[in-house]
Amino acid sequence: MRGVYDSLVKLKPLIENFYSEYIFYLSYWKDDCAFHGWKWSKDDGTMANMAKITDGITDKFEEIYALILAGLGEKCERMENF
């Protein structure tokens, strides 16, 4: 089991950096819609579908990170504290 633990130790900083660089802001576009001139009231379903996709990616990524932490015996907290 030492090999699994060592792999998780190596994965943790990679996942944290990847999250910070690519995933953290993935779902934030929804909050900036008005700034970009996008209106939820005029959505033809495209924005709703994109929201479902980006939220799903973010949620799954957080699940993966939680599993890594659990494998390392660390407590899992929400990603805002990442």
PDB file of N, CA and C in Angstrom:
ATOM      1  N   MET A   1       0.816  -1.200   0.000  1.00  0.00           N
ATOM      2  CA  MET A   1       0.000   0.000   0.000  1.00  0.00           C
ATOM      3  C   MET A   1       0.859   1.264   0.000  1.00  0.00           C
ATOM      4  N   ARG A   2       2.124   1.105   0.305  1.00  0.00           N
ATOM      5  CA  ARG A   2       3.012   2.265   0.332  1.00  0.00           C
ATOM      6  C   ARG A   2       3.082   2.932  -1.048  1.00  0.00           C
ATOM      7  N   GLY A   3       3.059   2.114  -2.098  1.00  0.00           N
ATOM      8  CA  GLY A   3       3.113   2.656  -3.452  1.00  0.00           C
ATOM      9  C   GLY A   3       1.914   3.528  -3.781  1.00  0.00           C
ATOM     10  N   VAL A   4       0.737   3.106  -3.319  1.00  0.00           N
ATOM     11  CA  VAL A   4      -0.475   3.905  -3.536  1.00  0.00           C
ATOM     12  C   VAL A   4      -0.355   5.229  -2.798  1.00  0.00           C
ATOM     13  N   TYR A   5       0.076   5.167  -1.553  1.00  0.00           N
ATOM     14  CA  TYR A   5       0.228   6.380  -0.746  1.00  0.00           C
ATOM     15  C   TYR A   5       1.228   7.337  -1.406  1.00  0.00           C
ATOM     16  N   ASP A   6       2.356   6.800  -1.840  1.00  0.00           N
ATOM     17  CA  ASP A   6       3.366   7.635  -2.500  1.00  0.00           C
ATOM     18  C   ASP A   6       2.817   8.280  -3.773  1.00  0.00           C
ATOM     19  N   SER A   7       2.027   7.535  -4.521  1.00  0.00           N
ATOM     20  CA  SER A   7       1.418   8.085  -5.737  1.00  0.00           C
ATOM     21  C   SER A   7       0.440   9.204  -5.404  1.00  0.00           C
ATOM     22  N   LEU A   8      -0.330   9.024  -4.343  1.00  0.00           N
ATOM     23  CA  LEU A   8      -1.277  10.064  -3.934  1.00  0.00           C
ATOM     24  C   LEU A   8      -0.547  11.315  -3.461  1.00  0.00           C
ATOM     25  N   VAL A   9       0.562  11.133  -2.761  1.00  0.00           N
ATOM     26  CA  VAL A   9       1.371  12.278  -2.321  1.00  0.00           C
ATOM     27  C   VAL A   9       1.866  13.061  -3.533  1.00  0.00           C
ATOM     28  N   LYS A  10       2.284  12.361  -4.575  1.00  0.00           N
ATOM     29  CA  LYS A  10       2.754  13.025  -5.794  1.00  0.00           C
ATOM     30  C   LYS A  10       1.606  13.682  -6.559  1.00  0.00           C
ATOM     31  N   LEU A  11       0.439  13.055  -6.533  1.00  0.00           N
ATOM     32  CA  LEU A  11      -0.724  13.586  -7.253  1.00  0.00           C
ATOM     33  C   LEU A  11      -1.288  14.852  -6.621  1.00  0.00           C
ATOM     34  N   LYS A  12      -1.263  14.915  -5.299  1.00  0.00           N
ATOM     35  CA  LYS A  12      -1.917  16.027  -4.597  1.00  0.00           C
ATOM     36  C   LYS A  12      -1.465  17.401  -5.102  1.00  0.00           C
ATOM     37  N   PRO A  13      -0.163  17.728  -5.150  1.00  0.00           N
ATOM     38  CA  PRO A  13       0.212  19.059  -5.635  1.00  0.00           C
ATOM     39  C   PRO A  13      -0.124  19.274  -7.111  1.00  0.00           C
ATOM     40  N   LEU A  14      -0.058  18.204  -7.903  1.00  0.00           N
ATOM     41  CA  LEU A  14      -0.423  18.331  -9.317  1.00  0.00           C
ATOM     42  C   LEU A  14      -1.896  18.692  -9.465  1.00  0.00           C
ATOM     43  N   ILE A  15      -2.740  18.014  -8.697  1.00  0.00           N
ATOM     44  CA  ILE A  15      -4.176  18.273  -8.741  1.00  0.00           C
ATOM     45  C   ILE A  15      -4.477  19.674  -8.225  1.00  0.00           C
ATOM     46  N   GLU A  16      -3.811  20.076  -7.148  1.00  0.00           N
ATOM     47  CA  GLU A  16      -4.031  21.421  -6.600  1.00  0.00           C
ATOM     48  C   GLU A  16      -3.653  22.494  -7.609  1.00  0.00           C
ATOM     49  N   ASN A  17      -2.520  22.330  -8.266  1.00  0.00           N
ATOM     50  CA  ASN A  17      -2.093  23.309  -9.272  1.00  0.00           C
ATOM     51  C   ASN A  17      -3.031  23.325 -10.473  1.00  0.00           C
ATOM     52  N   PHE A  18      -3.438  22.151 -10.929  1.00  0.00           N
ATOM     53  CA  PHE A  18      -4.360  22.067 -12.059  1.00  0.00           C
ATOM     54  C   PHE A  18      -5.690  22.732 -11.715  1.00  0.00           C
ATOM     55  N   TYR A  19      -6.173  22.483 -10.497  1.00  0.00           N
ATOM     56  CA  TYR A  19      -7.421  23.097 -10.048  1.00  0.00           C
ATOM     57  C   TYR A  19      -7.295  24.615 -10.048  1.00  0.00           C
ATOM     58  N   SER A  20      -6.214  25.115  -9.475  1.00  0.00           N
ATOM     59  CA  SER A  20      -6.015  26.566  -9.405  1.00  0.00           C
ATOM     60  C   SER A  20      -5.933  27.195 -10.786  1.00  0.00           C
ATOM     61  N   GLU A  21      -5.283  26.509 -11.702  1.00  0.00           N
ATOM     62  CA  GLU A  21      -5.049  27.056 -13.040  1.00  0.00           C
ATOM     63  C   GLU A  21      -6.257  26.949 -13.969  1.00  0.00           C
ATOM     64  N   TYR A  22      -6.984  25.821 -13.911  1.00  0.00           N
ATOM     65  CA  TYR A  22      -7.999  25.557 -14.930  1.00  0.00           C
ATOM     66  C   TYR A  22      -9.424  25.352 -14.424  1.00  0.00           C
ATOM     67  N   ILE A  23      -9.591  24.806 -13.252  1.00  0.00           N
ATOM     68  CA  ILE A  23     -10.921  24.394 -12.804  1.00  0.00           C
ATOM     69  C   ILE A  23     -11.615  25.446 -11.953  1.00  0.00           C
ATOM     70  N   PHE A  24     -10.874  26.134 -11.090  1.00  0.00           N
ATOM     71  CA  PHE A  24     -11.456  27.049 -10.112  1.00  0.00           C
ATOM     72  C   PHE A  24     -12.416  28.048 -10.743  1.00  0.00           C
ATOM     73  N   TYR A  25     -12.038  28.634 -11.845  1.00  0.00           N
ATOM     74  CA  TYR A  25     -12.863  29.667 -12.477  1.00  0.00           C
ATOM     75  C   TYR A  25     -13.821  29.131 -13.532  1.00  0.00           C
ATOM     76  N   LEU A  26     -13.808  27.840 -13.751  1.00  0.00           N
ATOM     77  CA  LEU A  26     -14.609  27.249 -14.817  1.00  0.00           C
ATOM     78  C   LEU A  26     -16.097  27.564 -14.681  1.00  0.00           C
ATOM     79  N   SER A  27     -16.622  27.549 -13.474  1.00  0.00           N
ATOM     80  CA  SER A  27     -18.047  27.805 -13.273  1.00  0.00           C
ATOM     81  C   SER A  27     -18.363  29.265 -12.952  1.00  0.00           C
ATOM     82  N   TYR A  28     -17.339  30.101 -12.871  1.00  0.00           N
ATOM     83  CA  TYR A  28     -17.583  31.493 -12.502  1.00  0.00           C
ATOM     84  C   TYR A  28     -18.153  32.333 -13.640  1.00  0.00           C
ATOM     85  N   TRP A  29     -18.138  31.829 -14.856  1.00  0.00           N
ATOM     86  CA  TRP A  29     -18.672  32.598 -15.977  1.00  0.00           C
ATOM     87  C   TRP A  29     -20.138  32.939 -15.750  1.00  0.00           C
ATOM     88  N   LYS A  30     -20.863  32.084 -15.015  1.00  0.00           N
ATOM     89  CA  LYS A  30     -22.299  32.315 -14.783  1.00  0.00           C
ATOM     90  C   LYS A  30     -22.536  33.607 -14.013  1.00  0.00           C
ATOM     91  N   ASP A  31     -21.621  33.928 -13.098  1.00  0.00           N
ATOM     92  CA  ASP A  31     -21.767  35.141 -12.301  1.00  0.00           C
ATOM     93  C   ASP A  31     -21.446  36.397 -13.104  1.00  0.00           C
ATOM     94  N   ASP A  32     -20.717  36.243 -14.192  1.00  0.00           N
ATOM     95  CA  ASP A  32     -20.301  37.381 -15.002  1.00  0.00           C
ATOM     96  C   ASP A  32     -21.138  37.573 -16.258  1.00  0.00           C
ATOM     97  N   CYS A  33     -22.253  36.889 -16.355  1.00  0.00           N
ATOM     98  CA  CYS A  33     -23.080  36.969 -17.565  1.00  0.00           C
ATOM     99  C   CYS A  33     -23.497  38.398 -17.897  1.00  0.00           C
ATOM    100  N   ALA A  34     -23.976  39.120 -16.913  1.00  0.00           N
ATOM    101  CA  ALA A  34     -24.435  40.490 -17.158  1.00  0.00           C
ATOM    102  C   ALA A  34     -23.285  41.364 -17.657  1.00  0.00           C
ATOM    103  N   PHE A  35     -22.118  41.178 -17.114  1.00  0.00           N
ATOM    104  CA  PHE A  35     -20.948  41.946 -17.526  1.00  0.00           C
ATOM    105  C   PHE A  35     -20.651  41.739 -19.011  1.00  0.00           C
ATOM    106  N   HIS A  36     -20.839  40.529 -19.484  1.00  0.00           N
ATOM    107  CA  HIS A  36     -20.561  40.206 -20.887  1.00  0.00           C
ATOM    108  C   HIS A  36     -21.774  40.421 -21.800  1.00  0.00           C
ATOM    109  N   GLY A  37     -22.888  40.843 -21.223  1.00  0.00           N
ATOM    110  CA  GLY A  37     -24.079  41.103 -22.016  1.00  0.00           C
ATOM    111  C   GLY A  37     -24.955  39.890 -22.250  1.00  0.00           C
ATOM    112  N   TRP A  38     -24.675  38.798 -21.553  1.00  0.00           N
ATOM    113  CA  TRP A  38     -25.496  37.597 -21.694  1.00  0.00           C
ATOM    114  C   TRP A  38     -26.646  37.672 -20.712  1.00  0.00           C
ATOM    115  N   LYS A  39     -27.831  37.342 -21.159  1.00  0.00           N
ATOM    116  CA  LYS A  39     -29.016  37.430 -20.299  1.00  0.00           C
ATOM    117  C   LYS A  39     -29.635  36.052 -20.141  1.00  0.00           C
ATOM    118  N   TRP A  40     -29.727  35.630 -18.882  1.00  0.00           N
ATOM    119  CA  TRP A  40     -30.340  34.333 -18.606  1.00  0.00           C
ATOM    120  C   TRP A  40     -31.789  34.313 -19.076  1.00  0.00           C
ATOM    121  N   SER A  41     -32.467  35.468 -19.030  1.00  0.00           N
ATOM    122  CA  SER A  41     -33.870  35.517 -19.434  1.00  0.00           C
ATOM    123  C   SER A  41     -34.048  35.243 -20.926  1.00  0.00           C
ATOM    124  N   LYS A  42     -32.989  35.424 -21.708  1.00  0.00           N
ATOM    125  CA  LYS A  42     -33.057  35.181 -23.151  1.00  0.00           C
ATOM    126  C   LYS A  42     -32.306  33.912 -23.555  1.00  0.00           C
ATOM    127  N   ASP A  43     -32.031  33.066 -22.588  1.00  0.00           N
ATOM    128  CA  ASP A  43     -31.287  31.835 -22.862  1.00  0.00           C
ATOM    129  C   ASP A  43     -32.129  30.879 -23.693  1.00  0.00           C
ATOM    130  N   ASP A  44     -31.536  30.361 -24.745  1.00  0.00           N
ATOM    131  CA  ASP A  44     -32.221  29.385 -25.598  1.00  0.00           C
ATOM    132  C   ASP A  44     -31.915  27.952 -25.166  1.00  0.00           C
ATOM    133  N   GLY A  45     -31.297  27.816 -24.024  1.00  0.00           N
ATOM    134  CA  GLY A  45     -30.915  26.506 -23.507  1.00  0.00           C
ATOM    135  C   GLY A  45     -29.419  26.279 -23.558  1.00  0.00           C
ATOM    136  N   THR A  46     -28.732  27.091 -24.355  1.00  0.00           N
ATOM    137  CA  THR A  46     -27.287  26.947 -24.499  1.00  0.00           C
ATOM    138  C   THR A  46     -26.561  27.250 -23.197  1.00  0.00           C
ATOM    139  N   MET A  47     -26.919  28.356 -22.559  1.00  0.00           N
ATOM    140  CA  MET A  47     -26.264  28.730 -21.303  1.00  0.00           C
ATOM    141  C   MET A  47     -26.583  27.726 -20.205  1.00  0.00           C
ATOM    142  N   ALA A  48     -27.812  27.260 -20.159  1.00  0.00           N
ATOM    143  CA  ALA A  48     -28.198  26.280 -19.140  1.00  0.00           C
ATOM    144  C   ALA A  48     -27.412  24.983 -19.326  1.00  0.00           C
ATOM    145  N   ASN A  49     -27.247  24.559 -20.573  1.00  0.00           N
ATOM    146  CA  ASN A  49     -26.461  23.352 -20.841  1.00  0.00           C
ATOM    147  C   ASN A  49     -24.999  23.544 -20.466  1.00  0.00           C
ATOM    148  N   MET A  50     -24.446  24.696 -20.795  1.00  0.00           N
ATOM    149  CA  MET A  50     -23.050  24.971 -20.452  1.00  0.00           C
ATOM    150  C   MET A  50     -22.876  25.029 -18.938  1.00  0.00           C
ATOM    151  N   ALA A  51     -23.852  25.586 -18.240  1.00  0.00           N
ATOM    152  CA  ALA A  51     -23.789  25.635 -16.774  1.00  0.00           C
ATOM    153  C   ALA A  51     -23.785  24.226 -16.195  1.00  0.00           C
ATOM    154  N   LYS A  52     -24.605  23.360 -16.754  1.00  0.00           N
ATOM    155  CA  LYS A  52     -24.662  21.969 -16.286  1.00  0.00           C
ATOM    156  C   LYS A  52     -23.317  21.268 -16.517  1.00  0.00           C
ATOM    157  N   ILE A  53     -22.711  21.521 -17.656  1.00  0.00           N
ATOM    158  CA  ILE A  53     -21.426  20.897 -17.991  1.00  0.00           C
ATOM    159  C   ILE A  53     -20.314  21.405 -17.076  1.00  0.00           C
ATOM    160  N   THR A  54     -20.188  22.727 -16.946  1.00  0.00           N
ATOM    161  CA  THR A  54     -19.100  23.277 -16.130  1.00  0.00           C
ATOM    162  C   THR A  54     -19.279  22.940 -14.654  1.00  0.00           C
ATOM    163  N   ASP A  55     -20.518  22.955 -14.174  1.00  0.00           N
ATOM    164  CA  ASP A  55     -20.762  22.556 -12.780  1.00  0.00           C
ATOM    165  C   ASP A  55     -20.426  21.085 -12.578  1.00  0.00           C
ATOM    166  N   GLY A  56     -20.764  20.255 -13.539  1.00  0.00           N
ATOM    167  CA  GLY A  56     -20.462  18.828 -13.447  1.00  0.00           C
ATOM    168  C   GLY A  56     -18.966  18.560 -13.405  1.00  0.00           C
ATOM    169  N   ILE A  57     -18.213  19.255 -14.246  1.00  0.00           N
ATOM    170  CA  ILE A  57     -16.756  19.095 -14.257  1.00  0.00           C
ATOM    171  C   ILE A  57     -16.172  19.522 -12.918  1.00  0.00           C
ATOM    172  N   THR A  58     -16.613  20.675 -12.423  1.00  0.00           N
ATOM    173  CA  THR A  58     -16.117  21.174 -11.142  1.00  0.00           C
ATOM    174  C   THR A  58     -16.448  20.212 -10.011  1.00  0.00           C
ATOM    175  N   ASP A  59     -17.682  19.720  -9.975  1.00  0.00           N
ATOM    176  CA  ASP A  59     -18.091  18.785  -8.919  1.00  0.00           C
ATOM    177  C   ASP A  59     -17.281  17.494  -8.966  1.00  0.00           C
ATOM    178  N   LYS A  60     -17.093  16.932 -10.143  1.00  0.00           N
ATOM    179  CA  LYS A  60     -16.326  15.686 -10.271  1.00  0.00           C
ATOM    180  C   LYS A  60     -14.867  15.889  -9.871  1.00  0.00           C
ATOM    181  N   PHE A  61     -14.313  17.031 -10.244  1.00  0.00           N
ATOM    182  CA  PHE A  61     -12.935  17.319  -9.872  1.00  0.00           C
ATOM    183  C   PHE A  61     -12.800  17.401  -8.356  1.00  0.00           C
ATOM    184  N   GLU A  62     -13.767  18.037  -7.699  1.00  0.00           N
ATOM    185  CA  GLU A  62     -13.743  18.120  -6.241  1.00  0.00           C
ATOM    186  C   GLU A  62     -13.870  16.736  -5.613  1.00  0.00           C
ATOM    187  N   GLU A  63     -14.646  15.857  -6.223  1.00  0.00           N
ATOM    188  CA  GLU A  63     -14.767  14.484  -5.720  1.00  0.00           C
ATOM    189  C   GLU A  63     -13.428  13.754  -5.825  1.00  0.00           C
ATOM    190  N   ILE A  64     -12.737  13.934  -6.934  1.00  0.00           N
ATOM    191  CA  ILE A  64     -11.426  13.305  -7.114  1.00  0.00           C
ATOM    192  C   ILE A  64     -10.452  13.808  -6.053  1.00  0.00           C
ATOM    193  N   TYR A  65     -10.450  15.117  -5.832  1.00  0.00           N
ATOM    194  CA  TYR A  65      -9.553  15.695  -4.827  1.00  0.00           C
ATOM    195  C   TYR A  65      -9.891  15.168  -3.433  1.00  0.00           C
ATOM    196  N   ALA A  66     -11.170  15.044  -3.129  1.00  0.00           N
ATOM    197  CA  ALA A  66     -11.595  14.513  -1.833  1.00  0.00           C
ATOM    198  C   ALA A  66     -11.116  13.076  -1.657  1.00  0.00           C
ATOM    199  N   LEU A  67     -11.160  12.277  -2.719  1.00  0.00           N
ATOM    200  CA  LEU A  67     -10.675  10.899  -2.646  1.00  0.00           C
ATOM    201  C   LEU A  67      -9.167  10.848  -2.409  1.00  0.00           C
ATOM    202  N   ILE A  68      -8.437  11.743  -3.047  1.00  0.00           N
ATOM    203  CA  ILE A  68      -6.990  11.802  -2.821  1.00  0.00           C
ATOM    204  C   ILE A  68      -6.709  12.143  -1.365  1.00  0.00           C
ATOM    205  N   LEU A  69      -7.412  13.152  -0.837  1.00  0.00           N
ATOM    206  CA  LEU A  69      -7.212  13.523   0.566  1.00  0.00           C
ATOM    207  C   LEU A  69      -7.574  12.380   1.501  1.00  0.00           C
ATOM    208  N   ALA A  70      -8.669  11.699   1.205  1.00  0.00           N
ATOM    209  CA  ALA A  70      -9.073  10.561   2.039  1.00  0.00           C
ATOM    210  C   ALA A  70      -8.000   9.478   2.010  1.00  0.00           C
ATOM    211  N   GLY A  71      -7.428   9.235   0.851  1.00  0.00           N
ATOM    212  CA  GLY A  71      -6.366   8.244   0.728  1.00  0.00           C
ATOM    213  C   GLY A  71      -5.117   8.619   1.492  1.00  0.00           C
ATOM    214  N   LEU A  72      -4.919   9.915   1.695  1.00  0.00           N
ATOM    215  CA  LEU A  72      -3.768  10.393   2.459  1.00  0.00           C
ATOM    216  C   LEU A  72      -4.093  10.554   3.939  1.00  0.00           C
ATOM    217  N   GLY A  73      -5.350  10.282   4.300  1.00  0.00           N
ATOM    218  CA  GLY A  73      -5.758  10.414   5.698  1.00  0.00           C
ATOM    219  C   GLY A  73      -5.977  11.847   6.122  1.00  0.00           C
ATOM    220  N   GLU A  74      -6.205  12.734   5.155  1.00  0.00           N
ATOM    221  CA  GLU A  74      -6.426  14.142   5.462  1.00  0.00           C
ATOM    222  C   GLU A  74      -7.911  14.451   5.437  1.00  0.00           C
ATOM    223  N   LYS A  75      -8.284  15.475   6.178  1.00  0.00           N
ATOM    224  CA  LYS A  75      -9.675  15.901   6.221  1.00  0.00           C
ATOM    225  C   LYS A  75      -9.995  16.686   4.955  1.00  0.00           C
ATOM    226  N   CYS A  76     -11.155  16.429   4.412  1.00  0.00           N
ATOM    227  CA  CYS A  76     -11.582  17.111   3.196  1.00  0.00           C
ATOM    228  C   CYS A  76     -12.481  18.285   3.550  1.00  0.00           C
ATOM    229  N   GLU A  77     -12.155  19.447   3.028  1.00  0.00           N
ATOM    230  CA  GLU A  77     -12.992  20.631   3.184  1.00  0.00           C
ATOM    231  C   GLU A  77     -13.349  21.127   1.796  1.00  0.00           C
ATOM    232  N   ARG A  78     -14.289  22.040   1.729  1.00  0.00           N
ATOM    233  CA  ARG A  78     -14.701  22.576   0.430  1.00  0.00           C
ATOM    234  C   ARG A  78     -13.521  23.209  -0.286  1.00  0.00           C
ATOM    235  N   MET A  79     -13.610  23.287  -1.594  1.00  0.00           N
ATOM    236  CA  MET A  79     -12.517  23.763  -2.420  1.00  0.00           C
ATOM    237  C   MET A  79     -12.192  25.242  -2.212  1.00  0.00           C
ATOM    238  N   GLU A  80     -13.097  26.011  -1.621  1.00  0.00           N
ATOM    239  CA  GLU A  80     -12.800  27.415  -1.384  1.00  0.00           C
ATOM    240  C   GLU A  80     -11.570  27.549  -0.488  1.00  0.00           C
ATOM    241  N   ASN A  81     -11.334  26.525   0.337  1.00  0.00           N
ATOM    242  CA  ASN A  81     -10.185  26.541   1.236  1.00  0.00           C
ATOM    243  C   ASN A  81      -8.969  25.882   0.608  1.00  0.00           C
ATOM    244  N   PHE A  82      -9.074  25.526  -0.626  1.00  0.00           N
ATOM    245  CA  PHE A  82      -8.029  24.851  -1.387  1.00  0.00           C
ATOM    246  C   PHE A  82      -6.856  25.767  -1.383  1.00  0.00           C
TER     247      PHE A  82
END
